[in-house]
PDB file of N, CA and C in Angstrom:
ATOM      1  N   MET A   1     114.928  91.551  80.914  1.00  0.00           N
ATOM      2  CA  MET A   1     116.071  90.921  80.294  1.00  0.00           C
ATOM      3  C   MET A   1     115.988  89.391  80.433  1.00  0.00           C
ATOM      4  N   LEU A   2     115.566  88.912  81.610  1.00  0.00           N
ATOM      5  CA  LEU A   2     115.453  87.461  81.804  1.00  0.00           C
ATOM      6  C   LEU A   2     114.380  86.858  80.900  1.00  0.00           C
ATOM      7  N   ILE A   3     113.324  87.594  80.665  1.00  0.00           N
ATOM      8  CA  ILE A   3     112.270  87.112  79.762  1.00  0.00           C
ATOM      9  C   ILE A   3     112.822  87.014  78.344  1.00  0.00           C
ATOM     10  N   LYS A   4     113.569  88.015  77.914  1.00  0.00           N
ATOM     11  CA  LYS A   4     114.165  87.995  76.579  1.00  0.00           C
ATOM     12  C   LYS A   4     115.139  86.827  76.436  1.00  0.00           C
ATOM     13  N   ILE A   5     115.977  86.616  77.440  1.00  0.00           N
ATOM     14  CA  ILE A   5     116.926  85.506  77.395  1.00  0.00           C
ATOM     15  C   ILE A   5     116.175  84.175  77.307  1.00  0.00           C
ATOM     16  N   ALA A   6     115.112  84.037  78.085  1.00  0.00           N
ATOM     17  CA  ALA A   6     114.322  82.798  78.049  1.00  0.00           C
ATOM     18  C   ALA A   6     113.686  82.602  76.677  1.00  0.00           C
ATOM     19  N   ARG A   7     113.168  83.659  76.092  1.00  0.00           N
ATOM     20  CA  ARG A   7     112.590  83.551  74.747  1.00  0.00           C
ATOM     21  C   ARG A   7     113.656  83.142  73.732  1.00  0.00           C
ATOM     22  N   ASP A   8     114.821  83.787  73.824  1.00  0.00           N
ATOM     23  CA  ASP A   8     115.889  83.546  72.851  1.00  0.00           C
ATOM     24  C   ASP A   8     116.498  82.147  72.971  1.00  0.00           C
ATOM     25  N   THR A   9     116.574  81.618  74.192  1.00  0.00           N
ATOM     26  CA  THR A   9     117.265  80.347  74.410  1.00  0.00           C
ATOM     27  C   THR A   9     116.320  79.156  74.544  1.00  0.00           C
ATOM     28  N   GLY A  10     115.042  79.421  74.796  1.00  0.00           N
ATOM     29  CA  GLY A  10     114.084  78.329  74.957  1.00  0.00           C
ATOM     30  C   GLY A  10     114.062  77.717  76.341  1.00  0.00           C
ATOM     31  N   VAL A  11     114.800  78.310  77.282  1.00  0.00           N
ATOM     32  CA  VAL A  11     114.764  77.870  78.677  1.00  0.00           C
ATOM     33  C   VAL A  11     114.813  79.100  79.577  1.00  0.00           C
ATOM     34  N   SER A  12     114.185  78.980  80.723  1.00  0.00           N
ATOM     35  CA  SER A  12     114.252  80.032  81.732  1.00  0.00           C
ATOM     36  C   SER A  12     115.257  79.572  82.778  1.00  0.00           C
ATOM     37  N   GLY A  13     116.393  80.220  82.798  1.00  0.00           N
ATOM     38  CA  GLY A  13     117.494  79.707  83.593  1.00  0.00           C
ATOM     39  C   GLY A  13     117.741  80.401  84.910  1.00  0.00           C
ATOM     40  N   TYR A  14     118.418  79.677  85.757  1.00  0.00           N
ATOM     41  CA  TYR A  14     118.971  80.159  87.019  1.00  0.00           C
ATOM     42  C   TYR A  14     120.282  79.413  87.191  1.00  0.00           C
ATOM     43  N   VAL A  15     121.155  79.918  88.030  1.00  0.00           N
ATOM     44  CA  VAL A  15     122.468  79.289  88.216  1.00  0.00           C
ATOM     45  C   VAL A  15     122.449  78.433  89.476  1.00  0.00           C
ATOM     46  N   GLY A  16     123.023  77.238  89.355  1.00  0.00           N
ATOM     47  CA  GLY A  16     123.084  76.327  90.504  1.00  0.00           C
ATOM     48  C   GLY A  16     121.694  75.934  90.948  1.00  0.00           C
ATOM     49  N   ASP A  17     121.447  76.053  92.263  1.00  0.00           N
ATOM     50  CA  ASP A  17     120.122  75.704  92.769  1.00  0.00           C
ATOM     51  C   ASP A  17     119.149  76.888  92.723  1.00  0.00           C
ATOM     52  N   GLY A  18     119.627  78.052  92.282  1.00  0.00           N
ATOM     53  CA  GLY A  18     118.762  79.222  92.149  1.00  0.00           C
ATOM     54  C   GLY A  18     118.329  79.822  93.468  1.00  0.00           C
ATOM     55  N   ALA A  19     119.045  79.510  94.537  1.00  0.00           N
ATOM     56  CA  ALA A  19     118.656  79.992  95.867  1.00  0.00           C
ATOM     57  C   ALA A  19     119.077  81.431  96.135  1.00  0.00           C
ATOM     58  N   ASN A  20     119.904  81.996  95.248  1.00  0.00           N
ATOM     59  CA  ASN A  20     120.256  83.398  95.458  1.00  0.00           C
ATOM     60  C   ASN A  20     119.002  84.258  95.314  1.00  0.00           C
ATOM     61  N   ARG A  21     118.996  85.367  96.040  1.00  0.00           N
ATOM     62  CA  ARG A  21     117.780  86.188  96.146  1.00  0.00           C
ATOM     63  C   ARG A  21     118.006  87.594  95.630  1.00  0.00           C
ATOM     64  N   TRP A  22     116.914  88.166  95.170  1.00  0.00           N
ATOM     65  CA  TRP A  22     116.909  89.560  94.737  1.00  0.00           C
ATOM     66  C   TRP A  22     115.754  90.284  95.422  1.00  0.00           C
ATOM     67  N   PRO A  23     116.012  91.503  95.889  1.00  0.00           N
ATOM     68  CA  PRO A  23     114.918  92.309  96.422  1.00  0.00           C
ATOM     69  C   PRO A  23     114.063  92.838  95.265  1.00  0.00           C
ATOM     70  N   ALA A  24     112.857  93.212  95.575  1.00  0.00           N
ATOM     71  CA  ALA A  24     111.974  93.730  94.532  1.00  0.00           C
ATOM     72  C   ALA A  24     111.013  94.746  95.126  1.00  0.00           C
ATOM     73  N   GLY A  25     110.561  95.628  94.288  1.00  0.00           N
ATOM     74  CA  GLY A  25     109.554  96.605  94.698  1.00  0.00           C
ATOM     75  C   GLY A  25     108.837  97.139  93.476  1.00  0.00           C
ATOM     76  N   HIS A  26     107.556  97.242  93.565  1.00  0.00           N
ATOM     77  CA  HIS A  26     106.757  97.811  92.480  1.00  0.00           C
ATOM     78  C   HIS A  26     107.140  99.278  92.337  1.00  0.00           C
ATOM     79  N   THR A  27     107.253  99.745  91.107  1.00  0.00           N
ATOM     80  CA  THR A  27     107.704 101.120  90.881  1.00  0.00           C
ATOM     81  C   THR A  27     106.811 102.153  91.577  1.00  0.00           C
ATOM     82  N   LEU A  28     105.525 101.897  91.650  1.00  0.00           N
ATOM     83  CA  LEU A  28     104.637 102.856  92.314  1.00  0.00           C
ATOM     84  C   LEU A  28     104.869 102.876  93.827  1.00  0.00           C
ATOM     85  N   ASP A  29     105.135 101.715  94.422  1.00  0.00           N
ATOM     86  CA  ASP A  29     105.450 101.673  95.847  1.00  0.00           C
ATOM     87  C   ASP A  29     106.795 102.342  96.135  1.00  0.00           C
ATOM     88  N   VAL A  30     107.772 102.079  95.294  1.00  0.00           N
ATOM     89  CA  VAL A  30     109.097 102.679  95.486  1.00  0.00           C
ATOM     90  C   VAL A  30     109.025 104.190  95.266  1.00  0.00           C
ATOM     91  N   GLY A  31     108.255 104.625  94.284  1.00  0.00           N
ATOM     92  CA  GLY A  31     108.073 106.064  94.058  1.00  0.00           C
ATOM     93  C   GLY A  31     107.468 106.745  95.277  1.00  0.00           C
ATOM     94  N   ARG A  32     106.469 106.111  95.878  1.00  0.00           N
ATOM     95  CA  ARG A  32     105.865 106.665  97.094  1.00  0.00           C
ATOM     96  C   ARG A  32     106.886 106.707  98.223  1.00  0.00           C
ATOM     97  N   LEU A  33     107.713 105.683  98.321  1.00  0.00           N
ATOM     98  CA  LEU A  33     108.749 105.663  99.350  1.00  0.00           C
ATOM     99  C   LEU A  33     109.726 106.820  99.162  1.00  0.00           C
ATOM    100  N   TYR A  34     110.136 107.082  97.933  1.00  0.00           N
ATOM    101  CA  TYR A  34     111.044 108.211  97.685  1.00  0.00           C
ATOM    102  C   TYR A  34     110.416 109.529  98.149  1.00  0.00           C
ATOM    103  N   ARG A  35     109.136 109.700  97.854  1.00  0.00           N
ATOM    104  CA  ARG A  35     108.462 110.921  98.294  1.00  0.00           C
ATOM    105  C   ARG A  35     108.463 111.013  99.817  1.00  0.00           C
ATOM    106  N   LEU A  36     108.101 109.917 100.476  1.00  0.00           N
ATOM    107  CA  LEU A  36     108.104 109.895 101.942  1.00  0.00           C
ATOM    108  C   LEU A  36     109.501 110.164 102.502  1.00  0.00           C
ATOM    109  N   ALA A  37     110.512 109.631 101.848  1.00  0.00           N
ATOM    110  CA  ALA A  37     111.892 109.846 102.304  1.00  0.00           C
ATOM    111  C   ALA A  37     112.253 111.322 102.224  1.00  0.00           C
ATOM    112  N   LEU A  38     111.876 111.963 101.143  1.00  0.00           N
ATOM    113  CA  LEU A  38     112.174 113.390 101.003  1.00  0.00           C
ATOM    114  C   LEU A  38     111.423 114.228 102.032  1.00  0.00           C
ATOM    115  N   GLU A  39     110.219 113.828 102.328  1.00  0.00           N
ATOM    116  CA  GLU A  39     109.383 114.594 103.251  1.00  0.00           C
ATOM    117  C   GLU A  39     109.691 114.316 104.719  1.00  0.00           C
ATOM    118  N   LYS A  40     110.038 113.080 105.072  1.00  0.00           N
ATOM    119  CA  LYS A  40     110.054 112.695 106.478  1.00  0.00           C
ATOM    120  C   LYS A  40     111.348 112.109 107.021  1.00  0.00           C
ATOM    121  N   ALA A  41     112.223 111.609 106.172  1.00  0.00           N
ATOM    122  CA  ALA A  41     113.402 110.898 106.680  1.00  0.00           C
ATOM    123  C   ALA A  41     114.429 111.867 107.245  1.00  0.00           C
ATOM    124  N   PRO A  42     114.959 111.565 108.419  1.00  0.00           N
ATOM    125  CA  PRO A  42     116.036 112.390 108.965  1.00  0.00           C
ATOM    126  C   PRO A  42     117.262 112.337 108.049  1.00  0.00           C
ATOM    127  N   ALA A  43     118.007 113.423 108.006  1.00  0.00           N
ATOM    128  CA  ALA A  43     119.224 113.472 107.188  1.00  0.00           C
ATOM    129  C   ALA A  43     120.133 112.308 107.568  1.00  0.00           C
ATOM    130  N   GLY A  44     120.707 111.681 106.565  1.00  0.00           N
ATOM    131  CA  GLY A  44     121.635 110.584 106.793  1.00  0.00           C
ATOM    132  C   GLY A  44     120.985 109.227 107.004  1.00  0.00           C
ATOM    133  N   SER A  45     119.677 109.155 106.908  1.00  0.00           N
ATOM    134  CA  SER A  45     118.979 107.871 107.095  1.00  0.00           C
ATOM    135  C   SER A  45     119.383 106.888 106.013  1.00  0.00           C
ATOM    136  N   GLN A  46     119.502 105.628 106.391  1.00  0.00           N
ATOM    137  CA  GLN A  46     119.734 104.558 105.414  1.00  0.00           C
ATOM    138  C   GLN A  46     118.412 103.846 105.214  1.00  0.00           C
ATOM    139  N   LEU A  47     117.881 103.950 104.007  1.00  0.00           N
ATOM    140  CA  LEU A  47     116.576 103.396 103.692  1.00  0.00           C
ATOM    141  C   LEU A  47     116.705 102.327 102.622  1.00  0.00           C
ATOM    142  N   TYR A  48     115.869 101.305 102.704  1.00  0.00           N
ATOM    143  CA  TYR A  48     115.857 100.244 101.705  1.00  0.00           C
ATOM    144  C   TYR A  48     114.555 100.307 100.932  1.00  0.00           C
ATOM    145  N   ALA A  49     114.671 100.568  99.642  1.00  0.00           N
ATOM    146  CA  ALA A  49     113.501 100.736  98.788  1.00  0.00           C
ATOM    147  C   ALA A  49     113.124  99.420  98.121  1.00  0.00           C
ATOM    148  N   ALA A  50     112.787  98.446  98.937  1.00  0.00           N
ATOM    149  CA  ALA A  50     112.346  97.159  98.417  1.00  0.00           C
ATOM    150  C   ALA A  50     111.143  96.705  99.224  1.00  0.00           C
ATOM    151  N   ALA A  51     110.081  96.392  98.537  1.00  0.00           N
ATOM    152  CA  ALA A  51     108.886  95.888  99.206  1.00  0.00           C
ATOM    153  C   ALA A  51     109.083  94.438  99.631  1.00  0.00           C
ATOM    154  N   GLU A  52     109.836  93.698  98.825  1.00  0.00           N
ATOM    155  CA  GLU A  52     110.122  92.293  99.118  1.00  0.00           C
ATOM    156  C   GLU A  52     111.620  92.169  99.361  1.00  0.00           C
ATOM    157  N   GLU A  53     111.977  91.618 100.504  1.00  0.00           N
ATOM    158  CA  GLU A  53     113.372  91.574 100.917  1.00  0.00           C
ATOM    159  C   GLU A  53     114.228  90.690 100.035  1.00  0.00           C
ATOM    160  N   GLY A  54     113.686  89.610  99.523  1.00  0.00           N
ATOM    161  CA  GLY A  54     114.464  88.721  98.663  1.00  0.00           C
ATOM    162  C   GLY A  54     113.632  87.588  98.108  1.00  0.00           C
ATOM    163  N   ILE A  55     113.606  87.478  96.809  1.00  0.00           N
ATOM    164  CA  ILE A  55     112.876  86.428  96.104  1.00  0.00           C
ATOM    165  C   ILE A  55     113.923  85.563  95.424  1.00  0.00           C
ATOM    166  N   THR A  56     113.801  84.254  95.523  1.00  0.00           N
ATOM    167  CA  THR A  56     114.821  83.422  94.901  1.00  0.00           C
ATOM    168  C   THR A  56     114.771  83.541  93.380  1.00  0.00           C
ATOM    169  N   VAL A  57     115.941  83.517  92.786  1.00  0.00           N
ATOM    170  CA  VAL A  57     116.030  83.602  91.332  1.00  0.00           C
ATOM    171  C   VAL A  57     115.353  82.391  90.690  1.00  0.00           C
ATOM    172  N   ARG A  58     115.409  81.265  91.372  1.00  0.00           N
ATOM    173  CA  ARG A  58     114.727  80.080  90.832  1.00  0.00           C
ATOM    174  C   ARG A  58     113.217  80.331  90.726  1.00  0.00           C
ATOM    175  N   GLU A  59     112.617  80.931  91.741  1.00  0.00           N
ATOM    176  CA  GLU A  59     111.179  81.220  91.687  1.00  0.00           C
ATOM    177  C   GLU A  59     110.862  82.188  90.550  1.00  0.00           C
ATOM    178  N   ILE A  60     111.715  83.161  90.342  1.00  0.00           N
ATOM    179  CA  ILE A  60     111.529  84.099  89.230  1.00  0.00           C
ATOM    180  C   ILE A  60     111.612  83.339  87.913  1.00  0.00           C
ATOM    181  N   ALA A  61     112.643  82.498  87.764  1.00  0.00           N
ATOM    182  CA  ALA A  61     112.819  81.721  86.527  1.00  0.00           C
ATOM    183  C   ALA A  61     111.653  80.777  86.292  1.00  0.00           C
ATOM    184  N   GLU A  62     111.177  80.134  87.342  1.00  0.00           N
ATOM    185  CA  GLU A  62     110.041  79.214  87.186  1.00  0.00           C
ATOM    186  C   GLU A  62     108.784  79.963  86.744  1.00  0.00           C
ATOM    187  N   THR A  63     108.583  81.145  87.264  1.00  0.00           N
ATOM    188  CA  THR A  63     107.419  81.945  86.866  1.00  0.00           C
ATOM    189  C   THR A  63     107.528  82.350  85.399  1.00  0.00           C
ATOM    190  N   ILE A  64     108.711  82.787  85.002  1.00  0.00           N
ATOM    191  CA  ILE A  64     108.932  83.157  83.597  1.00  0.00           C
ATOM    192  C   ILE A  64     108.718  81.931  82.708  1.00  0.00           C
ATOM    193  N   GLY A  65     109.287  80.812  83.102  1.00  0.00           N
ATOM    194  CA  GLY A  65     109.130  79.581  82.315  1.00  0.00           C
ATOM    195  C   GLY A  65     107.683  79.180  82.142  1.00  0.00           C
ATOM    196  N   ARG A  66     106.919  79.288  83.208  1.00  0.00           N
ATOM    197  CA  ARG A  66     105.492  78.937  83.167  1.00  0.00           C
ATOM    198  C   ARG A  66     104.753  79.816  82.148  1.00  0.00           C
ATOM    199  N   HIS A  67     105.063  81.102  82.137  1.00  0.00           N
ATOM    200  CA  HIS A  67     104.367  82.022  81.230  1.00  0.00           C
ATOM    201  C   HIS A  67     104.802  81.861  79.776  1.00  0.00           C
ATOM    202  N   LEU A  68     106.060  81.479  79.573  1.00  0.00           N
ATOM    203  CA  LEU A  68     106.550  81.303  78.201  1.00  0.00           C
ATOM    204  C   LEU A  68     106.420  79.863  77.716  1.00  0.00           C
ATOM    205  N   ASN A  69     105.960  78.989  78.625  1.00  0.00           N
ATOM    206  CA  ASN A  69     105.847  77.566  78.307  1.00  0.00           C
ATOM    207  C   ASN A  69     107.199  76.980  77.884  1.00  0.00           C
ATOM    208  N   VAL A  70     108.230  77.350  78.662  1.00  0.00           N
ATOM    209  CA  VAL A  70     109.570  76.788  78.480  1.00  0.00           C
ATOM    210  C   VAL A  70     110.015  76.240  79.832  1.00  0.00           C
ATOM    211  N   PRO A  71     110.919  75.270  79.839  1.00  0.00           N
ATOM    212  CA  PRO A  71     111.358  74.718  81.123  1.00  0.00           C
ATOM    213  C   PRO A  71     112.245  75.700  81.894  1.00  0.00           C
ATOM    214  N   ALA A  72     112.135  75.642  83.200  1.00  0.00           N
ATOM    215  CA  ALA A  72     113.062  76.364  84.073  1.00  0.00           C
ATOM    216  C   ALA A  72     114.181  75.386  84.405  1.00  0.00           C
ATOM    217  N   VAL A  73     115.408  75.776  84.098  1.00  0.00           N
ATOM    218  CA  VAL A  73     116.531  74.852  84.257  1.00  0.00           C
ATOM    219  C   VAL A  73     117.711  75.523  84.933  1.00  0.00           C
ATOM    220  N   SER A  74     118.502  74.694  85.596  1.00  0.00           N
ATOM    221  CA  SER A  74     119.743  75.160  86.191  1.00  0.00           C
ATOM    222  C   SER A  74     120.806  75.258  85.099  1.00  0.00           C
ATOM    223  N   ILE A  75     121.457  76.397  85.053  1.00  0.00           N
ATOM    224  CA  ILE A  75     122.562  76.611  84.124  1.00  0.00           C
ATOM    225  C   ILE A  75     123.850  76.457  84.931  1.00  0.00           C
ATOM    226  N   PRO A  76     124.761  75.592  84.508  1.00  0.00           N
ATOM    227  CA  PRO A  76     126.013  75.438  85.251  1.00  0.00           C
ATOM    228  C   PRO A  76     126.768  76.771  85.345  1.00  0.00           C
ATOM    229  N   ALA A  77     127.394  77.013  86.467  1.00  0.00           N
ATOM    230  CA  ALA A  77     128.095  78.274  86.709  1.00  0.00           C
ATOM    231  C   ALA A  77     129.094  78.595  85.606  1.00  0.00           C
ATOM    232  N   GLU A  78     129.766  77.572  85.083  1.00  0.00           N
ATOM    233  CA  GLU A  78     130.776  77.819  84.050  1.00  0.00           C
ATOM    234  C   GLU A  78     130.160  78.232  82.706  1.00  0.00           C
ATOM    235  N   ARG A  79     128.860  78.047  82.544  1.00  0.00           N
ATOM    236  CA  ARG A  79     128.162  78.463  81.320  1.00  0.00           C
ATOM    237  C   ARG A  79     127.310  79.706  81.519  1.00  0.00           C
ATOM    238  N   ALA A  80     127.231  80.199  82.740  1.00  0.00           N
ATOM    239  CA  ALA A  80     126.325  81.308  83.061  1.00  0.00           C
ATOM    240  C   ALA A  80     126.628  82.573  82.263  1.00  0.00           C
ATOM    241  N   ALA A  81     127.888  82.943  82.148  1.00  0.00           N
ATOM    242  CA  ALA A  81     128.229  84.171  81.424  1.00  0.00           C
ATOM    243  C   ALA A  81     127.763  84.117  79.976  1.00  0.00           C
ATOM    244  N   ASP A  82     127.902  82.959  79.336  1.00  0.00           N
ATOM    245  CA  ASP A  82     127.448  82.818  77.949  1.00  0.00           C
ATOM    246  C   ASP A  82     125.933  82.790  77.845  1.00  0.00           C
ATOM    247  N   HIS A  83     125.299  82.063  78.745  1.00  0.00           N
ATOM    248  CA  HIS A  83     123.833  81.945  78.685  1.00  0.00           C
ATOM    249  C   HIS A  83     123.150  83.275  78.995  1.00  0.00           C
ATOM    250  N   PHE A  84     123.643  83.964  80.011  1.00  0.00           N
ATOM    251  CA  PHE A  84     123.018  85.218  80.456  1.00  0.00           C
ATOM    252  C   PHE A  84     123.772  86.429  79.915  1.00  0.00           C
ATOM    253  N   THR A  85     124.153  86.374  78.658  1.00  0.00           N
ATOM    254  CA  THR A  85     124.899  87.466  78.030  1.00  0.00           C
ATOM    255  C   THR A  85     124.179  88.793  78.246  1.00  0.00           C
ATOM    256  N   GLY A  86     124.923  89.776  78.697  1.00  0.00           N
ATOM    257  CA  GLY A  86     124.344  91.095  78.936  1.00  0.00           C
ATOM    258  C   GLY A  86     123.636  91.217  80.269  1.00  0.00           C
ATOM    259  N   PHE A  87     123.681  90.172  81.078  1.00  0.00           N
ATOM    260  CA  PHE A  87     123.026  90.204  82.380  1.00  0.00           C
ATOM    261  C   PHE A  87     123.951  89.564  83.420  1.00  0.00           C
ATOM    262  N   PRO A  88     124.982  90.294  83.840  1.00  0.00           N
ATOM    263  CA  PRO A  88     125.991  89.729  84.739  1.00  0.00           C
ATOM    264  C   PRO A  88     125.539  89.593  86.193  1.00  0.00           C
ATOM    265  N   PHE A  89     124.328  89.978  86.494  1.00  0.00           N
ATOM    266  CA  PHE A  89     123.848  90.007  87.877  1.00  0.00           C
ATOM    267  C   PHE A  89     123.206  88.696  88.328  1.00  0.00           C
ATOM    268  N   ILE A  90     123.141  87.724  87.448  1.00  0.00           N
ATOM    269  CA  ILE A  90     122.353  86.521  87.694  1.00  0.00           C
ATOM    270  C   ILE A  90     122.764  85.770  88.961  1.00  0.00           C
ATOM    271  N   THR A  91     124.024  85.808  89.341  1.00  0.00           N
ATOM    272  CA  THR A  91     124.457  85.046  90.517  1.00  0.00           C
ATOM    273  C   THR A  91     124.489  85.874  91.799  1.00  0.00           C
ATOM    274  N   MET A  92     124.183  87.138  91.717  1.00  0.00           N
ATOM    275  CA  MET A  92     124.219  87.974  92.921  1.00  0.00           C
ATOM    276  C   MET A  92     123.152  87.541  93.920  1.00  0.00           C
ATOM    277  N   ASP A  93     123.511  87.570  95.180  1.00  0.00           N
ATOM    278  CA  ASP A  93     122.569  87.277  96.262  1.00  0.00           C
ATOM    279  C   ASP A  93     122.459  88.544  97.102  1.00  0.00           C
ATOM    280  N   ILE A  94     121.311  89.187  96.992  1.00  0.00           N
ATOM    281  CA  ILE A  94     121.112  90.477  97.656  1.00  0.00           C
ATOM    282  C   ILE A  94     119.773  90.456  98.376  1.00  0.00           C
ATOM    283  N   THR A  95     119.779  90.852  99.612  1.00  0.00           N
ATOM    284  CA  THR A  95     118.517  91.065 100.315  1.00  0.00           C
ATOM    285  C   THR A  95     118.514  92.483 100.855  1.00  0.00           C
ATOM    286  N   MET A  96     117.338  93.005 101.053  1.00  0.00           N
ATOM    287  CA  MET A  96     117.174  94.352 101.596  1.00  0.00           C
ATOM    288  C   MET A  96     116.146  94.306 102.714  1.00  0.00           C
ATOM    289  N   PRO A  97     116.605  94.144 103.942  1.00  0.00           N
ATOM    290  CA  PRO A  97     115.654  94.168 105.058  1.00  0.00           C
ATOM    291  C   PRO A  97     115.008  95.550 105.129  1.00  0.00           C
ATOM    292  N   ASN A  98     113.695  95.573 105.182  1.00  0.00           N
ATOM    293  CA  ASN A  98     113.003  96.852 105.070  1.00  0.00           C
ATOM    294  C   ASN A  98     112.166  97.230 106.292  1.00  0.00           C
ATOM    295  N   ALA A  99     112.229  96.470 107.373  1.00  0.00           N
ATOM    296  CA  ALA A  99     111.392  96.766 108.548  1.00  0.00           C
ATOM    297  C   ALA A  99     111.671  98.160 109.103  1.00  0.00           C
ATOM    298  N   ASP A 100     112.934  98.552 109.168  1.00  0.00           N
ATOM    299  CA  ASP A 100     113.261  99.884 109.694  1.00  0.00           C
ATOM    300  C   ASP A 100     112.722 100.983 108.783  1.00  0.00           C
ATOM    301  N   THR A 101     112.840 100.786 107.478  1.00  0.00           N
ATOM    302  CA  THR A 101     112.313 101.773 106.519  1.00  0.00           C
ATOM    303  C   THR A 101     110.801 101.887 106.669  1.00  0.00           C
ATOM    304  N   ARG A 102     110.130 100.763 106.763  1.00  0.00           N
ATOM    305  CA  ARG A 102     108.669 100.772 106.916  1.00  0.00           C
ATOM    306  C   ARG A 102     108.252 101.510 108.187  1.00  0.00           C
ATOM    307  N   ARG A 103     108.946 101.194 109.263  1.00  0.00           N
ATOM    308  CA  ARG A 103     108.615 101.798 110.553  1.00  0.00           C
ATOM    309  C   ARG A 103     108.910 103.309 110.549  1.00  0.00           C
ATOM    310  N   LEU A 104     110.085 103.684 110.091  1.00  0.00           N
ATOM    311  CA  LEU A 104     110.494 105.083 110.100  1.00  0.00           C
ATOM    312  C   LEU A 104     109.560 105.968 109.287  1.00  0.00           C
ATOM    313  N   LEU A 105     109.137 105.481 108.138  1.00  0.00           N
ATOM    314  CA  LEU A 105     108.337 106.301 107.227  1.00  0.00           C
ATOM    315  C   LEU A 105     106.867 105.907 107.184  1.00  0.00           C
ATOM    316  N   ASP A 106     106.487 104.942 108.017  1.00  0.00           N
ATOM    317  CA  ASP A 106     105.118 104.431 108.007  1.00  0.00           C
ATOM    318  C   ASP A 106     104.719 104.052 106.577  1.00  0.00           C
ATOM    319  N   TRP A 107     105.607 103.281 105.946  1.00  0.00           N
ATOM    320  CA  TRP A 107     105.447 102.887 104.545  1.00  0.00           C
ATOM    321  C   TRP A 107     105.009 101.442 104.457  1.00  0.00           C
ATOM    322  N   GLU A 108     103.915 101.215 103.773  1.00  0.00           N
ATOM    323  CA  GLU A 108     103.445  99.866 103.508  1.00  0.00           C
ATOM    324  C   GLU A 108     103.183  99.735 102.008  1.00  0.00           C
ATOM    325  N   PRO A 109     103.947  98.905 101.324  1.00  0.00           N
ATOM    326  CA  PRO A 109     103.685  98.686  99.898  1.00  0.00           C
ATOM    327  C   PRO A 109     102.280  98.116  99.695  1.00  0.00           C
ATOM    328  N   VAL A 110     101.618  98.557  98.643  1.00  0.00           N
ATOM    329  CA  VAL A 110     100.248  98.111  98.381  1.00  0.00           C
ATOM    330  C   VAL A 110     100.077  97.463  97.003  1.00  0.00           C
ATOM    331  N   HIS A 111     101.077  97.576  96.168  1.00  0.00           N
ATOM    332  CA  HIS A 111     100.982  97.034  94.814  1.00  0.00           C
ATOM    333  C   HIS A 111     101.496  95.593  94.781  1.00  0.00           C
ATOM    334  N   PRO A 112     101.206  94.875  93.710  1.00  0.00           N
ATOM    335  CA  PRO A 112     101.596  93.463  93.645  1.00  0.00           C
ATOM    336  C   PRO A 112     103.103  93.264  93.810  1.00  0.00           C
ATOM    337  N   GLY A 113     103.461  92.144  94.441  1.00  0.00           N
ATOM    338  CA  GLY A 113     104.860  91.754  94.521  1.00  0.00           C
ATOM    339  C   GLY A 113     105.326  91.276  93.156  1.00  0.00           C
ATOM    340  N   LEU A 114     106.616  90.976  93.046  1.00  0.00           N
ATOM    341  CA  LEU A 114     107.193  90.625  91.749  1.00  0.00           C
ATOM    342  C   LEU A 114     106.520  89.412  91.118  1.00  0.00           C
ATOM    343  N   ILE A 115     106.361  88.336  91.847  1.00  0.00           N
ATOM    344  CA  ILE A 115     105.774  87.124  91.260  1.00  0.00           C
ATOM    345  C   ILE A 115     104.324  87.381  90.842  1.00  0.00           C
ATOM    346  N   ALA A 116     103.557  88.055  91.686  1.00  0.00           N
ATOM    347  CA  ALA A 116     102.173  88.386  91.328  1.00  0.00           C
ATOM    348  C   ALA A 116     102.135  89.306  90.110  1.00  0.00           C
ATOM    349  N   ASP A 117     103.066  90.254  90.035  1.00  0.00           N
ATOM    350  CA  ASP A 117     103.132  91.166  88.896  1.00  0.00           C
ATOM    351  C   ASP A 117     103.476  90.393  87.620  1.00  0.00           C
ATOM    352  N   LEU A 118     104.429  89.477  87.716  1.00  0.00           N
ATOM    353  CA  LEU A 118     104.733  88.628  86.560  1.00  0.00           C
ATOM    354  C   LEU A 118     103.524  87.785  86.178  1.00  0.00           C
ATOM    355  N   ASP A 119     102.832  87.261  87.167  1.00  0.00           N
ATOM    356  CA  ASP A 119     101.664  86.418  86.899  1.00  0.00           C
ATOM    357  C   ASP A 119     100.523  87.187  86.247  1.00  0.00           C
ATOM    358  N   ASP A 120     100.505  88.519  86.363  1.00  0.00           N
ATOM    359  CA  ASP A 120      99.489  89.315  85.652  1.00  0.00           C
ATOM    360  C   ASP A 120      99.636  89.176  84.145  1.00  0.00           C
ATOM    361  N   GLY A 121     100.831  88.821  83.687  1.00  0.00           N
ATOM    362  CA  GLY A 121     101.035  88.500  82.286  1.00  0.00           C
ATOM    363  C   GLY A 121     101.451  89.626  81.377  1.00  0.00           C
ATOM    364  N   HIS A 122     101.392  90.877  81.819  1.00  0.00           N
ATOM    365  CA  HIS A 122     101.673  91.974  80.896  1.00  0.00           C
ATOM    366  C   HIS A 122     103.133  92.036  80.439  1.00  0.00           C
ATOM    367  N   TYR A 123     104.040  91.419  81.156  1.00  0.00           N
ATOM    368  CA  TYR A 123     105.447  91.392  80.728  1.00  0.00           C
ATOM    369  C   TYR A 123     105.658  90.431  79.554  1.00  0.00           C
ATOM    370  N   PHE A 124     104.696  89.596  79.287  1.00  0.00           N
ATOM    371  CA  PHE A 124     104.864  88.542  78.301  1.00  0.00           C
ATOM    372  C   PHE A 124     104.145  88.797  76.988  1.00  0.00           C
ATOM    373  N   THR A 125     103.455  89.915  76.898  1.00  0.00           N
ATOM    374  CA  THR A 125     102.776  90.235  75.649  1.00  0.00           C
ATOM    375  C   THR A 125     103.803  90.759  74.648  1.00  0.00           C
ATOM    376  N   THR A 126     103.592  90.454  73.410  1.00  0.00           N
ATOM    377  CA  THR A 126     104.497  90.942  72.377  1.00  0.00           C
ATOM    378  C   THR A 126     103.759  91.962  71.528  1.00  0.00           C
ATOM    379  N   GLY A 127     104.512  92.970  71.127  1.00  0.00           N
ATOM    380  CA  GLY A 127     103.960  94.106  70.412  1.00  0.00           C
ATOM    381  C   GLY A 127     103.455  93.773  69.089  1.00  0.00           C
TER     382      GLY A 127
END
């Protein structure tokens, strides 16, 4: 969605200083974690399915901007809802500490992190 917004608007945006963070996990790593959880996790366990605890939205926007050759810019908070139409999560700050999940299930993600996955370029190809 952020790539589409950047294409449509000509800028890759973040709100304020872009320091808010989002957890991330490659689908194959998260899928393996779900399997391990079903097989090994004690009932009632609280598990965090994120390989990366928190990546700043600014870093995500800068990576998208670099690939689309558009500037990464701060969008004022009062304009965020209009700029990020259909994506109300842009200002959320969420981290998912995963050390306990890794230890409990002996889970180590092996696939690329979000920025490396974006840098592979496949999200930016057009059909």
